[in-house]
């Protein structure tokens, strides 16, 4: 009877150990699952891990604009010296064989917009219609108003800023004097000078011409 009782106790003890082990395993698995669930919940909600995207838009309008910062040329009154066939006068301050007021200012055209522009010039007179007489000349010259290159020459590079060209009563198309006038402040101005050879038998009285400059955006 004593031996059977001892065996029954051993079996009972072993069963408790197995049950306890199974409970331990289940508890560990449950703890791991609970920790994983809590961690996911914490990362997705408690810490603000979810992201949102924002967007900003802005449009800057282009503006093609220009201004004649020096727009009036006046040589006042004068005449060709006695005994001379003609007199020459220009807006660069030069004068030969005449007594008109020296003028050291040509037209100064500034690009005041925020894009490069192509500049077309229109005028109403030719050498004959303005001055008349024997062998008159009526020319213009375009140059950078300063030492910085402010303008690209007309298409093909045929225009030379150091040379003079005859002024003619322009057609509807006008005369392109600058293919690309830059807009940056340090290189946004050109100067248009005028030169006249006035014959001894030129017209008399008040004479003049009207110039119009048109700018078009040319990036």
C-alpha atoms as a PDB file:
ATOM      1  CA  UNK A   1       0.000   0.000   0.000  1.00  0.00           C
ATOM      2  CA  UNK A   2       2.888   2.408   0.834  1.00  0.00           C
ATOM      3  CA  UNK A   3       4.618   1.888  -2.541  1.00  0.00           C
ATOM      4  CA  UNK A   4       1.464   2.609  -4.610  1.00  0.00           C
ATOM      5  CA  UNK A   5       0.877   5.792  -2.670  1.00  0.00           C
ATOM      6  CA  UNK A   6       4.357   7.054  -3.448  1.00  0.00           C
ATOM      7  CA  UNK A   7       3.900   6.396  -7.185  1.00  0.00           C
ATOM      8  CA  UNK A   8       0.636   8.279  -7.212  1.00  0.00           C
ATOM      9  CA  UNK A   9       2.317  11.265  -5.637  1.00  0.00           C
ATOM     10  CA  UNK A  10       5.126  11.237  -8.199  1.00  0.00           C
ATOM     11  CA  UNK A  11       2.612  11.151 -11.055  1.00  0.00           C
ATOM     12  CA  UNK A  12       0.681  14.032  -9.542  1.00  0.00           C
ATOM     13  CA  UNK A  13       3.836  16.058  -9.078  1.00  0.00           C
ATOM     14  CA  UNK A  14       4.847  15.529 -12.684  1.00  0.00           C
ATOM     15  CA  UNK A  15       1.429  16.545 -13.907  1.00  0.00           C
ATOM     16  CA  UNK A  16       1.625  19.778 -11.946  1.00  0.00           C
ATOM     17  CA  UNK A  17       5.042  20.497 -13.426  1.00  0.00           C
ATOM     18  CA  UNK A  18       3.745  19.957 -16.971  1.00  0.00           C
ATOM     19  CA  UNK A  19       0.675  22.088 -16.344  1.00  0.00           C
ATOM     20  CA  UNK A  20       2.824  24.828 -14.799  1.00  0.00           C
ATOM     21  CA  UNK A  21       5.192  24.718 -17.790  1.00  0.00           C
ATOM     22  CA  UNK A  22       2.293  24.994 -20.235  1.00  0.00           C
ATOM     23  CA  UNK A  23       0.884  27.931 -18.278  1.00  0.00           C
ATOM     24  CA  UNK A  24       4.299  29.592 -18.392  1.00  0.00           C
ATOM     25  CA  UNK A  25       4.588  29.109 -22.164  1.00  0.00           C
ATOM     26  CA  UNK A  26       1.095  30.474 -22.746  1.00  0.00           C
ATOM     27  CA  UNK A  27       1.871  33.455 -20.499  1.00  0.00           C
ATOM     28  CA  UNK A  28       5.084  34.226 -22.401  1.00  0.00           C
ATOM     29  CA  UNK A  29       3.318  34.005 -25.761  1.00  0.00           C
ATOM     30  CA  UNK A  30       0.520  36.236 -24.490  1.00  0.00           C
ATOM     31  CA  UNK A  31       2.991  38.781 -23.147  1.00  0.00           C
ATOM     32  CA  UNK A  32       4.856  38.923 -26.462  1.00  0.00           C
ATOM     33  CA  UNK A  33       1.630  39.373 -28.425  1.00  0.00           C
ATOM     34  CA  UNK A  34       0.399  42.068 -26.026  1.00  0.00           C
ATOM     35  CA  UNK A  35       3.701  43.975 -26.262  1.00  0.00           C
ATOM     36  CA  UNK A  36       3.665  43.808 -30.067  1.00  0.00           C
ATOM     37  CA  UNK A  37       0.091  45.048 -30.249  1.00  0.00           C
ATOM     38  CA  UNK A  38       0.733  47.893 -27.823  1.00  0.00           C
ATOM     39  CA  UNK A  39       3.923  48.919 -29.695  1.00  0.00           C
ATOM     40  CA  UNK A  40       2.113  49.069 -33.027  1.00  0.00           C
ATOM     41  CA  UNK A  41      -0.700  51.052 -31.488  1.00  0.00           C
ATOM     42  CA  UNK A  42       1.736  53.426 -29.829  1.00  0.00           C
ATOM     43  CA  UNK A  43       3.742  54.060 -33.032  1.00  0.00           C
ATOM     44  CA  UNK A  44       0.677  54.592 -35.206  1.00  0.00           C
ATOM     45  CA  UNK A  45      -1.299  56.820 -32.892  1.00  0.00           C
ATOM     46  CA  UNK A  46       0.339  57.893 -29.663  1.00  0.00           C
ATOM     47  CA  UNK A  47       3.577  59.149 -31.309  1.00  0.00           C
ATOM     48  CA  UNK A  48       1.937  60.780 -34.402  1.00  0.00           C
ATOM     49  CA  UNK A  49       3.824  58.583 -36.834  1.00  0.00           C
ATOM     50  CA  UNK A  50       1.196  59.164 -39.548  1.00  0.00           C
ATOM     51  CA  UNK A  51       2.365  61.893 -42.022  1.00  0.00           C
ATOM     52  CA  UNK A  52       0.526  64.523 -44.060  1.00  0.00           C
ATOM     53  CA  UNK A  53       1.875  66.443 -47.119  1.00  0.00           C
ATOM     54  CA  UNK A  54       1.355  70.155 -47.840  1.00  0.00           C
ATOM     55  CA  UNK A  55       1.959  72.158 -51.048  1.00  0.00           C
ATOM     56  CA  UNK A  56       2.746  75.796 -51.921  1.00  0.00           C
ATOM     57  CA  UNK A  57       2.328  77.415 -55.353  1.00  0.00           C
ATOM     58  CA  UNK A  58       3.383  80.855 -56.600  1.00  0.00           C
ATOM     59  CA  UNK A  59       3.424  82.440 -60.069  1.00  0.00           C
ATOM     60  CA  UNK A  60       5.679  85.386 -60.931  1.00  0.00           C
ATOM     61  CA  UNK A  61       4.423  87.299 -63.939  1.00  0.00           C
ATOM     62  CA  UNK A  62       6.851  88.471 -66.604  1.00  0.00           C
ATOM     63  CA  UNK A  63       6.829  92.175 -67.403  1.00  0.00           C
ATOM     64  CA  UNK A  64       8.286  93.685 -70.566  1.00  0.00           C
ATOM     65  CA  UNK A  65       8.734  97.380 -69.870  1.00  0.00           C
ATOM     66  CA  UNK A  66      11.190 100.147 -70.696  1.00  0.00           C
ATOM     67  CA  UNK A  67      11.747 103.833 -70.156  1.00  0.00           C
ATOM     68  CA  UNK A  68      13.500 106.645 -72.035  1.00  0.00           C
ATOM     69  CA  UNK A  69      15.500 108.050 -69.144  1.00  0.00           C
ATOM     70  CA  UNK A  70      16.852 110.749 -71.468  1.00  0.00           C
ATOM     71  CA  UNK A  71      14.313 111.553 -74.156  1.00  0.00           C
ATOM     72  CA  UNK A  72      14.809 115.101 -75.428  1.00  0.00           C
ATOM     73  CA  UNK A  73      17.566 116.211 -77.829  1.00  0.00           C
ATOM     74  CA  UNK A  74      17.730 119.920 -78.626  1.00  0.00           C
ATOM     75  CA  UNK A  75      20.543 121.531 -80.620  1.00  0.00           C
ATOM     76  CA  UNK A  76      18.860 124.924 -80.436  1.00  0.00           C
ATOM     77  CA  UNK A  77      19.575 127.443 -83.200  1.00  0.00           C
ATOM     78  CA  UNK A  78      22.645 127.729 -85.412  1.00  0.00           C
ATOM     79  CA  UNK A  79      24.027 127.910 -88.952  1.00  0.00           C
ATOM     80  CA  UNK A  80      26.802 126.681 -91.206  1.00  0.00           C
ATOM     81  CA  UNK A  81      29.857 128.912 -91.077  1.00  0.00           C
ATOM     82  CA  UNK A  82      30.330 131.255 -94.019  1.00  0.00           C
ATOM     83  CA  UNK A  83      32.388 129.693 -96.784  1.00  0.00           C
ATOM     84  CA  UNK A  84      31.743 126.090 -95.692  1.00  0.00           C
ATOM     85  CA  UNK A  85      29.727 123.580 -97.675  1.00  0.00           C
ATOM     86  CA  UNK A  86      28.301 121.947 -94.560  1.00  0.00           C
ATOM     87  CA  UNK A  87      28.552 121.587 -90.824  1.00  0.00           C
ATOM     88  CA  UNK A  88      28.459 118.406 -88.762  1.00  0.00           C
ATOM     89  CA  UNK A  89      26.912 118.007 -85.350  1.00  0.00           C
ATOM     90  CA  UNK A  90      26.264 114.974 -83.127  1.00  0.00           C
ATOM     91  CA  UNK A  91      24.905 114.073 -79.716  1.00  0.00           C
ATOM     92  CA  UNK A  92      28.329 112.864 -78.586  1.00  0.00           C
ATOM     93  CA  UNK A  93      29.306 116.511 -78.158  1.00  0.00           C
ATOM     94  CA  UNK A  94      31.143 116.970 -81.442  1.00  0.00           C
ATOM     95  CA  UNK A  95      30.536 119.848 -83.853  1.00  0.00           C
ATOM     96  CA  UNK A  96      32.474 121.099 -86.882  1.00  0.00           C
ATOM     97  CA  UNK A  97      31.893 124.362 -88.823  1.00  0.00           C
ATOM     98  CA  UNK A  98      28.678 125.253 -87.068  1.00  0.00           C
ATOM     99  CA  UNK A  99      27.533 127.263 -84.053  1.00  0.00           C
ATOM    100  CA  UNK A 100      24.698 125.148 -82.657  1.00  0.00           C
ATOM    101  CA  UNK A 101      24.571 124.253 -78.967  1.00  0.00           C
ATOM    102  CA  UNK A 102      26.852 121.328 -78.232  1.00  0.00           C
ATOM    103  CA  UNK A 103      24.805 118.343 -77.067  1.00  0.00           C
ATOM    104  CA  UNK A 104      26.451 115.473 -75.229  1.00  0.00           C
ATOM    105  CA  UNK A 105      23.300 113.453 -74.615  1.00  0.00           C
ATOM    106  CA  UNK A 106      21.666 110.914 -76.904  1.00  0.00           C
ATOM    107  CA  UNK A 107      18.508 108.999 -76.138  1.00  0.00           C
ATOM    108  CA  UNK A 108      19.008 106.630 -73.185  1.00  0.00           C
ATOM    109  CA  UNK A 109      16.708 103.627 -73.133  1.00  0.00           C
ATOM    110  CA  UNK A 110      16.420 101.471 -69.997  1.00  0.00           C
ATOM    111  CA  UNK A 111      14.833  98.035 -69.669  1.00  0.00           C
ATOM    112  CA  UNK A 112      12.718  98.442 -66.534  1.00  0.00           C
ATOM    113  CA  UNK A 113      10.966  95.067 -66.760  1.00  0.00           C
ATOM    114  CA  UNK A 114      12.034  91.630 -65.539  1.00  0.00           C
ATOM    115  CA  UNK A 115      12.659  89.952 -68.914  1.00  0.00           C
ATOM    116  CA  UNK A 116      15.049  90.595 -71.792  1.00  0.00           C
ATOM    117  CA  UNK A 117      13.504  92.602 -74.615  1.00  0.00           C
ATOM    118  CA  UNK A 118      14.027  93.127 -78.323  1.00  0.00           C
ATOM    119  CA  UNK A 119      13.940  96.837 -79.220  1.00  0.00           C
ATOM    120  CA  UNK A 120      12.568  98.241 -82.483  1.00  0.00           C
ATOM    121  CA  UNK A 121      12.987 101.913 -83.412  1.00  0.00           C
ATOM    122  CA  UNK A 122      10.682 104.007 -85.597  1.00  0.00           C
ATOM    123  CA  UNK A 123      11.294 107.538 -86.887  1.00  0.00           C
ATOM    124  CA  UNK A 124       9.552 109.820 -89.379  1.00  0.00           C
ATOM    125  CA  UNK A 125      12.305 111.581 -91.327  1.00  0.00           C
ATOM    126  CA  UNK A 126      15.088 110.849 -93.833  1.00  0.00           C
ATOM    127  CA  UNK A 127      18.130 113.004 -94.497  1.00  0.00           C
ATOM    128  CA  UNK A 128      16.357 114.732 -97.391  1.00  0.00           C
ATOM    129  CA  UNK A 129      12.968 115.229 -95.766  1.00  0.00           C
ATOM    130  CA  UNK A 130      14.548 116.557 -92.571  1.00  0.00           C
ATOM    131  CA  UNK A 131      17.465 118.658 -93.840  1.00  0.00           C
ATOM    132  CA  UNK A 132      17.247 118.930 -97.622  1.00  0.00           C
ATOM    133  CA  UNK A 133      20.016 120.666 -99.513  1.00  0.00           C
ATOM    134  CA  UNK A 134      23.188 119.184-101.007  1.00  0.00           C
ATOM    135  CA  UNK A 135      24.442 115.867 -99.623  1.00  0.00           C
ATOM    136  CA  UNK A 136      22.859 115.913 -96.157  1.00  0.00           C
ATOM    137  CA  UNK A 137      23.461 113.075 -93.719  1.00  0.00           C
ATOM    138  CA  UNK A 138      21.187 111.899 -90.916  1.00  0.00           C
ATOM    139  CA  UNK A 139      22.600 108.935 -89.000  1.00  0.00           C
ATOM    140  CA  UNK A 140      22.200 107.071 -85.740  1.00  0.00           C
ATOM    141  CA  UNK A 141      24.386 104.890 -83.553  1.00  0.00           C
ATOM    142  CA  UNK A 142      23.529 102.440 -80.761  1.00  0.00           C
ATOM    143  CA  UNK A 143      25.946 101.729 -77.917  1.00  0.00           C
ATOM    144  CA  UNK A 144      26.024 100.290 -74.413  1.00  0.00           C
ATOM    145  CA  UNK A 145      25.341 103.043 -71.892  1.00  0.00           C
ATOM    146  CA  UNK A 146      28.377 102.236 -69.789  1.00  0.00           C
ATOM    147  CA  UNK A 147      31.182  99.704 -69.882  1.00  0.00           C
ATOM    148  CA  UNK A 148      29.009  96.617 -69.354  1.00  0.00           C
ATOM    149  CA  UNK A 149      27.634  94.828 -72.408  1.00  0.00           C
ATOM    150  CA  UNK A 150      23.905  95.502 -72.175  1.00  0.00           C
ATOM    151  CA  UNK A 151      22.634  94.427 -75.566  1.00  0.00           C
ATOM    152  CA  UNK A 152      23.168  91.659 -78.076  1.00  0.00           C
ATOM    153  CA  UNK A 153      23.327  92.903 -81.682  1.00  0.00           C
ATOM    154  CA  UNK A 154      20.596  92.155 -84.163  1.00  0.00           C
ATOM    155  CA  UNK A 155      20.188  88.613 -85.461  1.00  0.00           C
ATOM    156  CA  UNK A 156      23.236  87.278 -87.281  1.00  0.00           C
ATOM    157  CA  UNK A 157      25.617  89.648 -85.527  1.00  0.00           C
ATOM    158  CA  UNK A 158      25.651  92.054 -88.495  1.00  0.00           C
ATOM    159  CA  UNK A 159      25.092  95.163 -86.408  1.00  0.00           C
ATOM    160  CA  UNK A 160      28.224  96.964 -85.241  1.00  0.00           C
ATOM    161  CA  UNK A 161      27.721  99.164 -82.209  1.00  0.00           C
ATOM    162  CA  UNK A 162      30.712 101.339 -83.135  1.00  0.00           C
ATOM    163  CA  UNK A 163      29.378 102.322 -86.569  1.00  0.00           C
ATOM    164  CA  UNK A 164      26.784 104.803 -87.783  1.00  0.00           C
ATOM    165  CA  UNK A 165      23.792 103.866 -89.917  1.00  0.00           C
ATOM    166  CA  UNK A 166      21.461 106.083 -91.973  1.00  0.00           C
ATOM    167  CA  UNK A 167      18.102 107.035 -90.510  1.00  0.00           C
ATOM    168  CA  UNK A 168      15.211 106.445 -92.830  1.00  0.00           C
ATOM    169  CA  UNK A 169      11.520 106.978 -92.425  1.00  0.00           C
ATOM    170  CA  UNK A 170      10.902 103.470 -91.185  1.00  0.00           C
ATOM    171  CA  UNK A 171       8.333 101.088 -92.567  1.00  0.00           C
ATOM    172  CA  UNK A 172       5.721  99.253 -90.542  1.00  0.00           C
ATOM    173  CA  UNK A 173       8.416  96.761 -89.470  1.00  0.00           C
ATOM    174  CA  UNK A 174      10.667  99.469 -88.013  1.00  0.00           C
ATOM    175  CA  UNK A 175      14.403  99.011 -87.391  1.00  0.00           C
ATOM    176  CA  UNK A 176      15.566  96.482 -84.810  1.00  0.00           C
ATOM    177  CA  UNK A 177      18.344  98.245 -82.922  1.00  0.00           C
ATOM    178  CA  UNK A 178      18.832  95.659 -80.174  1.00  0.00           C
ATOM    179  CA  UNK A 179      18.006  91.993 -80.453  1.00  0.00           C
ATOM    180  CA  UNK A 180      18.213  91.393 -76.712  1.00  0.00           C
ATOM    181  CA  UNK A 181      18.432  94.162 -74.125  1.00  0.00           C
ATOM    182  CA  UNK A 182      19.114  92.575 -70.742  1.00  0.00           C
ATOM    183  CA  UNK A 183      16.997  93.401 -67.687  1.00  0.00           C
ATOM    184  CA  UNK A 184      19.582  93.113 -64.884  1.00  0.00           C
ATOM    185  CA  UNK A 185      20.258  96.475 -63.236  1.00  0.00           C
ATOM    186  CA  UNK A 186      23.960  96.510 -64.097  1.00  0.00           C
ATOM    187  CA  UNK A 187      23.368  96.024 -67.840  1.00  0.00           C
ATOM    188  CA  UNK A 188      19.905  97.272 -68.779  1.00  0.00           C
ATOM    189  CA  UNK A 189      20.582 100.505 -70.726  1.00  0.00           C
ATOM    190  CA  UNK A 190      21.474 101.441 -74.295  1.00  0.00           C
ATOM    191  CA  UNK A 191      22.205 104.839 -75.798  1.00  0.00           C
ATOM    192  CA  UNK A 192      21.052 106.053 -79.217  1.00  0.00           C
ATOM    193  CA  UNK A 193      23.137 108.908 -80.630  1.00  0.00           C
ATOM    194  CA  UNK A 194      22.339 111.085 -83.657  1.00  0.00           C
ATOM    195  CA  UNK A 195      24.672 112.626 -86.259  1.00  0.00           C
ATOM    196  CA  UNK A 196      23.808 115.222 -88.897  1.00  0.00           C
ATOM    197  CA  UNK A 197      25.720 116.750 -91.752  1.00  0.00           C
ATOM    198  CA  UNK A 198      23.882 119.980 -92.484  1.00  0.00           C
ATOM    199  CA  UNK A 199      24.452 121.491 -95.959  1.00  0.00           C
ATOM    200  CA  UNK A 200      24.930 125.229 -96.484  1.00  0.00           C
ATOM    201  CA  UNK A 201      21.718 125.171 -98.542  1.00  0.00           C
ATOM    202  CA  UNK A 202      19.652 123.115 -96.051  1.00  0.00           C
ATOM    203  CA  UNK A 203      16.109 123.991 -95.069  1.00  0.00           C
ATOM    204  CA  UNK A 204      15.683 126.788 -92.574  1.00  0.00           C
ATOM    205  CA  UNK A 205      13.369 127.206 -89.606  1.00  0.00           C
ATOM    206  CA  UNK A 206      12.460 124.768 -86.878  1.00  0.00           C
ATOM    207  CA  UNK A 207      13.113 121.149 -87.901  1.00  0.00           C
ATOM    208  CA  UNK A 208      12.637 117.920 -85.973  1.00  0.00           C
ATOM    209  CA  UNK A 209      11.870 114.240 -85.941  1.00  0.00           C
ATOM    210  CA  UNK A 210       9.830 111.913 -83.729  1.00  0.00           C
ATOM    211  CA  UNK A 211      11.262 108.615 -82.474  1.00  0.00           C
ATOM    212  CA  UNK A 212       9.273 105.691 -81.109  1.00  0.00           C
ATOM    213  CA  UNK A 213      10.826 102.677 -79.390  1.00  0.00           C
ATOM    214  CA  UNK A 214       8.937  99.412 -78.970  1.00  0.00           C
ATOM    215  CA  UNK A 215      10.107  96.572 -76.742  1.00  0.00           C
ATOM    216  CA  UNK A 216       9.035  92.928 -76.994  1.00  0.00           C
ATOM    217  CA  UNK A 217       9.927  90.149 -74.552  1.00  0.00           C
ATOM    218  CA  UNK A 218      12.803  88.050 -75.902  1.00  0.00           C
ATOM    219  CA  UNK A 219      14.046  85.542 -73.305  1.00  0.00           C
END
